[in-house]
Every structure is written in C-alpha cells, then in structure tokens.
C-alpha cells in the first residue's frame, strides 16, 4: 500500500512543470557572447576594492542586436547585468540576405570601422569583437577593417554598432 500512495504523488510532481510551461509565453532564444571582461580596482582608505566589467553582445541571429557593459563585484553578476541591459537596448540591423546592403564606416572616438558587403561564401573577415557582433546579428558574409589606431574592444563595439545603425535599405 505504501508504494501505491507514493506513485500518484510522483505523477503529480512530474505533471506540474509541464502545466507551468504550457501556460507561460515562450521566450525567444538569444545568442549571447561575452566579448571582454575587465578587472577594475578602486583604491580607497580601507584598501583595494575589486570589481569587474563585462562587455556583452546579444542577438537573435536574424536582425535584432544589442550590447551593454555590465559592472559588478563578481564576474557572473557582471555578465548577467550586461545581458539584461543588452536585451533592453536592442536595435534592428538592415541586411540583404547574408550580408549588409552597402559599405559604411562607423565612428566612435578615435576608431573608424569600415564594414563592406561581401559575396556569398566569403565568411566574416573581422576581429574578435566584430565577429561576435556579426554572429549575433546573423551576418554571414562581410569584410571589415579597423581604420583607427586603437583596438579597445569597447570602442570597437560602439563604432561597429554606430555603423550598423546607419545602414539604409529594406528592413
């Protein structure tokens, strides 16, 4: 008898999560890429305070794309904050099939990033931060060049986003 009493409880426990999943709206699956983690130290009267800043890019793999710089005392918390902020600040990227519609130069600070459309099969010819952005945006064929003197990942990402925002063409 003891076994018979336990079985219905197990069945109920297994059915509950399924019922909850059916009632909740399904969330879109986003591609999340951590580009850069920076360790920051603040010197105070009491000693050194250690913190982290995580540069994160989030995209749906098709047209939506966002980035953010999350800051916290732990690496995992900084990444979570960055992902949350990036999802709030998403933009739509204009694409033509697997590449961008035309050549554009994105500028931020001393950095200028040239983004150039490429023929099908070329791939993503870019540095690591721009490669992560293109992967999250669903851009499969593109040529890029850093025309500035700096390779700071934060500024490279900001310049790339400025260039992608300035694209004109069909949505």
C-alpha atoms as a PDB file:
ATOM      1  CA  UNK A   1       0.000   0.000   0.000  1.00  0.00           C
ATOM      2  CA  UNK A   2       2.846   2.351   0.699  1.00  0.00           C
ATOM      3  CA  UNK A   3       4.041   2.113  -2.917  1.00  0.00           C
ATOM      4  CA  UNK A   4       0.593   2.819  -4.305  1.00  0.00           C
ATOM      5  CA  UNK A   5       0.356   6.004  -2.237  1.00  0.00           C
ATOM      6  CA  UNK A   6       3.734   7.284  -3.442  1.00  0.00           C
ATOM      7  CA  UNK A   7       3.132   6.780  -7.168  1.00  0.00           C
ATOM      8  CA  UNK A   8       0.341   9.372  -7.596  1.00  0.00           C
ATOM      9  CA  UNK A   9       2.488  11.995  -5.845  1.00  0.00           C
ATOM     10  CA  UNK A  10       5.343  11.369  -8.263  1.00  0.00           C
ATOM     11  CA  UNK A  11       2.996  11.628 -11.237  1.00  0.00           C
ATOM     12  CA  UNK A  12       1.611  14.915  -9.925  1.00  0.00           C
ATOM     13  CA  UNK A  13       5.107  16.283  -9.427  1.00  0.00           C
ATOM     14  CA  UNK A  14       6.017  15.406 -12.999  1.00  0.00           C
ATOM     15  CA  UNK A  15       2.847  16.967 -14.431  1.00  0.00           C
ATOM     16  CA  UNK A  16       3.211  20.308 -12.636  1.00  0.00           C
ATOM     17  CA  UNK A  17       6.205  21.638 -14.588  1.00  0.00           C
ATOM     18  CA  UNK A  18       4.575  20.755 -17.917  1.00  0.00           C
ATOM     19  CA  UNK A  19       1.423  22.638 -16.963  1.00  0.00           C
ATOM     20  CA  UNK A  20       3.508  25.662 -15.985  1.00  0.00           C
ATOM     21  CA  UNK A  21       5.443  25.590 -19.257  1.00  0.00           C
ATOM     22  CA  UNK A  22       2.265  25.448 -21.340  1.00  0.00           C
ATOM     23  CA  UNK A  23       0.765  28.494 -19.598  1.00  0.00           C
ATOM     24  CA  UNK A  24       3.871  30.693 -19.892  1.00  0.00           C
ATOM     25  CA  UNK A  25       4.711  32.514 -23.136  1.00  0.00           C
ATOM     26  CA  UNK A  26       7.822  31.097 -24.786  1.00  0.00           C
ATOM     27  CA  UNK A  27      10.806  33.434 -24.718  1.00  0.00           C
ATOM     28  CA  UNK A  28      12.917  33.898 -27.852  1.00  0.00           C
ATOM     29  CA  UNK A  29      16.306  32.210 -27.777  1.00  0.00           C
ATOM     30  CA  UNK A  30      19.054  34.824 -27.949  1.00  0.00           C
ATOM     31  CA  UNK A  31      22.699  34.331 -28.848  1.00  0.00           C
ATOM     32  CA  UNK A  32      24.824  35.794 -26.049  1.00  0.00           C
ATOM     33  CA  UNK A  33      28.543  36.495 -26.476  1.00  0.00           C
ATOM     34  CA  UNK A  34      30.932  37.827 -23.823  1.00  0.00           C
ATOM     35  CA  UNK A  35      33.490  39.910 -25.693  1.00  0.00           C
ATOM     36  CA  UNK A  36      35.669  41.281 -22.936  1.00  0.00           C
ATOM     37  CA  UNK A  37      35.971  41.064 -19.141  1.00  0.00           C
ATOM     38  CA  UNK A  38      37.905  43.853 -17.452  1.00  0.00           C
ATOM     39  CA  UNK A  39      39.166  43.676 -13.866  1.00  0.00           C
ATOM     40  CA  UNK A  40      38.923  47.063 -12.176  1.00  0.00           C
ATOM     41  CA  UNK A  41      40.475  48.067  -8.847  1.00  0.00           C
ATOM     42  CA  UNK A  42      39.412  51.085  -6.824  1.00  0.00           C
ATOM     43  CA  UNK A  43      41.883  52.150  -4.128  1.00  0.00           C
ATOM     44  CA  UNK A  44      40.212  53.542  -1.016  1.00  0.00           C
ATOM     45  CA  UNK A  45      41.310  54.433   2.503  1.00  0.00           C
ATOM     46  CA  UNK A  46      40.391  50.921   3.677  1.00  0.00           C
ATOM     47  CA  UNK A  47      42.242  49.105   0.868  1.00  0.00           C
ATOM     48  CA  UNK A  48      41.577  47.952  -2.663  1.00  0.00           C
ATOM     49  CA  UNK A  49      38.063  47.216  -3.928  1.00  0.00           C
ATOM     50  CA  UNK A  50      37.999  44.733  -6.779  1.00  0.00           C
ATOM     51  CA  UNK A  51      35.284  44.854  -9.458  1.00  0.00           C
ATOM     52  CA  UNK A  52      34.596  43.515 -12.935  1.00  0.00           C
ATOM     53  CA  UNK A  53      33.161  44.964 -16.149  1.00  0.00           C
ATOM     54  CA  UNK A  54      31.821  42.599 -18.817  1.00  0.00           C
ATOM     55  CA  UNK A  55      31.159  43.692 -22.409  1.00  0.00           C
ATOM     56  CA  UNK A  56      28.304  41.552 -23.751  1.00  0.00           C
ATOM     57  CA  UNK A  57      26.586  41.313 -27.159  1.00  0.00           C
ATOM     58  CA  UNK A  58      23.126  39.760 -27.512  1.00  0.00           C
ATOM     59  CA  UNK A  59      21.256  38.961 -30.738  1.00  0.00           C
ATOM     60  CA  UNK A  60      18.540  36.728 -32.137  1.00  0.00           C
ATOM     61  CA  UNK A  61      20.665  35.536 -35.076  1.00  0.00           C
ATOM     62  CA  UNK A  62      18.449  37.317 -37.602  1.00  0.00           C
ATOM     63  CA  UNK A  63      18.038  41.092 -37.247  1.00  0.00           C
ATOM     64  CA  UNK A  64      17.898  42.174 -33.591  1.00  0.00           C
ATOM     65  CA  UNK A  65      21.134  43.088 -31.849  1.00  0.00           C
ATOM     66  CA  UNK A  66      22.199  44.797 -28.619  1.00  0.00           C
ATOM     67  CA  UNK A  67      25.292  45.383 -26.485  1.00  0.00           C
ATOM     68  CA  UNK A  68      25.988  46.528 -22.930  1.00  0.00           C
ATOM     69  CA  UNK A  69      28.741  46.909 -20.372  1.00  0.00           C
ATOM     70  CA  UNK A  70      27.703  45.205 -17.127  1.00  0.00           C
ATOM     71  CA  UNK A  71      29.578  46.102 -13.954  1.00  0.00           C
ATOM     72  CA  UNK A  72      29.585  44.198 -10.645  1.00  0.00           C
ATOM     73  CA  UNK A  73      31.818  42.809  -7.894  1.00  0.00           C
ATOM     74  CA  UNK A  74      31.648  39.271  -9.356  1.00  0.00           C
ATOM     75  CA  UNK A  75      32.231  38.149 -12.950  1.00  0.00           C
ATOM     76  CA  UNK A  76      28.982  36.157 -13.182  1.00  0.00           C
ATOM     77  CA  UNK A  77      26.927  39.097 -11.874  1.00  0.00           C
ATOM     78  CA  UNK A  78      28.596  41.482 -14.335  1.00  0.00           C
ATOM     79  CA  UNK A  79      27.751  39.151 -17.247  1.00  0.00           C
ATOM     80  CA  UNK A  80      24.121  38.779 -16.090  1.00  0.00           C
ATOM     81  CA  UNK A  81      23.755  42.566 -15.779  1.00  0.00           C
ATOM     82  CA  UNK A  82      25.279  43.071 -19.222  1.00  0.00           C
ATOM     83  CA  UNK A  83      22.913  40.540 -20.828  1.00  0.00           C
ATOM     84  CA  UNK A  84      19.899  42.124 -19.132  1.00  0.00           C
ATOM     85  CA  UNK A  85      20.895  45.644 -20.255  1.00  0.00           C
ATOM     86  CA  UNK A  86      21.734  44.479 -23.800  1.00  0.00           C
ATOM     87  CA  UNK A  87      18.286  42.893 -24.212  1.00  0.00           C
ATOM     88  CA  UNK A  88      16.691  46.222 -23.298  1.00  0.00           C
ATOM     89  CA  UNK A  89      18.789  48.243 -25.771  1.00  0.00           C
ATOM     90  CA  UNK A  90      18.356  46.200 -28.957  1.00  0.00           C
ATOM     91  CA  UNK A  91      18.422  47.647 -32.465  1.00  0.00           C
ATOM     92  CA  UNK A  92      17.279  46.236 -35.821  1.00  0.00           C
ATOM     93  CA  UNK A  93      20.027  45.661 -38.374  1.00  0.00           C
ATOM     94  CA  UNK A  94      19.188  46.090 -42.058  1.00  0.00           C
ATOM     95  CA  UNK A  95      20.506  43.128 -44.064  1.00  0.00           C
ATOM     96  CA  UNK A  96      20.319  41.839 -47.614  1.00  0.00           C
ATOM     97  CA  UNK A  97      20.318  38.010 -47.408  1.00  0.00           C
ATOM     98  CA  UNK A  98      23.597  37.114 -45.631  1.00  0.00           C
ATOM     99  CA  UNK A  99      25.430  40.452 -45.831  1.00  0.00           C
ATOM    100  CA  UNK A 100      24.855  44.189 -45.391  1.00  0.00           C
ATOM    101  CA  UNK A 101      23.259  46.298 -48.170  1.00  0.00           C
ATOM    102  CA  UNK A 102      26.155  48.763 -48.700  1.00  0.00           C
ATOM    103  CA  UNK A 103      29.545  49.893 -47.430  1.00  0.00           C
ATOM    104  CA  UNK A 104      29.526  52.023 -44.282  1.00  0.00           C
ATOM    105  CA  UNK A 105      32.041  53.497 -41.842  1.00  0.00           C
ATOM    106  CA  UNK A 106      31.189  53.560 -38.141  1.00  0.00           C
ATOM    107  CA  UNK A 107      32.948  56.138 -35.972  1.00  0.00           C
ATOM    108  CA  UNK A 108      33.407  56.338 -32.215  1.00  0.00           C
ATOM    109  CA  UNK A 109      36.215  58.253 -30.552  1.00  0.00           C
ATOM    110  CA  UNK A 110      39.450  57.652 -32.446  1.00  0.00           C
ATOM    111  CA  UNK A 111      38.166  54.441 -34.023  1.00  0.00           C
ATOM    112  CA  UNK A 112      36.736  54.127 -37.520  1.00  0.00           C
ATOM    113  CA  UNK A 113      35.414  50.718 -38.581  1.00  0.00           C
ATOM    114  CA  UNK A 114      34.763  50.032 -42.264  1.00  0.00           C
ATOM    115  CA  UNK A 115      32.025  47.464 -42.918  1.00  0.00           C
ATOM    116  CA  UNK A 116      31.836  46.236 -46.515  1.00  0.00           C
ATOM    117  CA  UNK A 117      29.375  43.771 -48.079  1.00  0.00           C
ATOM    118  CA  UNK A 118      30.878  40.515 -49.346  1.00  0.00           C
ATOM    119  CA  UNK A 119      29.750  37.880 -51.826  1.00  0.00           C
ATOM    120  CA  UNK A 120      28.119  34.682 -50.598  1.00  0.00           C
ATOM    121  CA  UNK A 121      30.637  32.192 -49.196  1.00  0.00           C
ATOM    122  CA  UNK A 122      33.251  34.777 -48.156  1.00  0.00           C
ATOM    123  CA  UNK A 123      32.596  34.455 -44.418  1.00  0.00           C
ATOM    124  CA  UNK A 124      33.203  37.005 -41.679  1.00  0.00           C
ATOM    125  CA  UNK A 125      36.588  38.685 -42.144  1.00  0.00           C
ATOM    126  CA  UNK A 126      36.874  40.631 -38.893  1.00  0.00           C
ATOM    127  CA  UNK A 127      38.495  40.964 -35.478  1.00  0.00           C
ATOM    128  CA  UNK A 128      37.021  39.075 -32.497  1.00  0.00           C
ATOM    129  CA  UNK A 129      34.575  41.777 -31.235  1.00  0.00           C
ATOM    130  CA  UNK A 130      33.155  42.435 -34.726  1.00  0.00           C
ATOM    131  CA  UNK A 131      32.970  38.684 -35.430  1.00  0.00           C
ATOM    132  CA  UNK A 132      30.832  38.206 -32.278  1.00  0.00           C
ATOM    133  CA  UNK A 133      28.539  41.081 -33.333  1.00  0.00           C
ATOM    134  CA  UNK A 134      28.092  39.646 -36.845  1.00  0.00           C
ATOM    135  CA  UNK A 135      27.368  36.189 -35.439  1.00  0.00           C
ATOM    136  CA  UNK A 136      24.660  37.583 -33.135  1.00  0.00           C
ATOM    137  CA  UNK A 137      23.143  39.652 -35.983  1.00  0.00           C
ATOM    138  CA  UNK A 138      23.078  36.753 -38.453  1.00  0.00           C
ATOM    139  CA  UNK A 139      25.547  38.387 -40.864  1.00  0.00           C
ATOM    140  CA  UNK A 140      27.456  35.554 -42.531  1.00  0.00           C
ATOM    141  CA  UNK A 141      29.442  37.385 -45.261  1.00  0.00           C
ATOM    142  CA  UNK A 142      31.195  40.683 -44.512  1.00  0.00           C
ATOM    143  CA  UNK A 143      34.584  42.370 -44.886  1.00  0.00           C
ATOM    144  CA  UNK A 144      35.744  44.737 -42.122  1.00  0.00           C
ATOM    145  CA  UNK A 145      38.746  46.911 -41.406  1.00  0.00           C
ATOM    146  CA  UNK A 146      39.763  48.924 -38.344  1.00  0.00           C
ATOM    147  CA  UNK A 147      40.872  52.281 -39.795  1.00  0.00           C
ATOM    148  CA  UNK A 148      41.770  53.812 -36.426  1.00  0.00           C
ATOM    149  CA  UNK A 149      44.799  53.358 -34.218  1.00  0.00           C
ATOM    150  CA  UNK A 150      43.037  51.832 -31.200  1.00  0.00           C
ATOM    151  CA  UNK A 151      41.882  48.258 -30.709  1.00  0.00           C
ATOM    152  CA  UNK A 152      39.972  48.872 -27.460  1.00  0.00           C
ATOM    153  CA  UNK A 153      37.092  46.332 -27.606  1.00  0.00           C
ATOM    154  CA  UNK A 154      34.555  48.717 -26.031  1.00  0.00           C
ATOM    155  CA  UNK A 155      35.192  51.426 -28.620  1.00  0.00           C
ATOM    156  CA  UNK A 156      35.335  48.888 -31.475  1.00  0.00           C
ATOM    157  CA  UNK A 157      31.880  47.581 -30.486  1.00  0.00           C
ATOM    158  CA  UNK A 158      30.444  51.104 -30.180  1.00  0.00           C
ATOM    159  CA  UNK A 159      31.835  52.115 -33.591  1.00  0.00           C
ATOM    160  CA  UNK A 160      30.519  48.910 -35.197  1.00  0.00           C
ATOM    161  CA  UNK A 161      27.048  49.494 -33.755  1.00  0.00           C
ATOM    162  CA  UNK A 162      27.115  53.094 -34.981  1.00  0.00           C
ATOM    163  CA  UNK A 163      27.927  51.791 -38.465  1.00  0.00           C
ATOM    164  CA  UNK A 164      25.221  49.112 -38.386  1.00  0.00           C
ATOM    165  CA  UNK A 165      22.630  51.670 -37.177  1.00  0.00           C
ATOM    166  CA  UNK A 166      23.454  53.975 -40.103  1.00  0.00           C
ATOM    167  CA  UNK A 167      22.710  51.276 -42.722  1.00  0.00           C
ATOM    168  CA  UNK A 168      19.972  52.166 -45.198  1.00  0.00           C
ATOM    169  CA  UNK A 169      17.848  49.706 -47.109  1.00  0.00           C
ATOM    170  CA  UNK A 170      14.913  47.351 -46.782  1.00  0.00           C
ATOM    171  CA  UNK A 171      14.036  46.277 -43.248  1.00  0.00           C
END
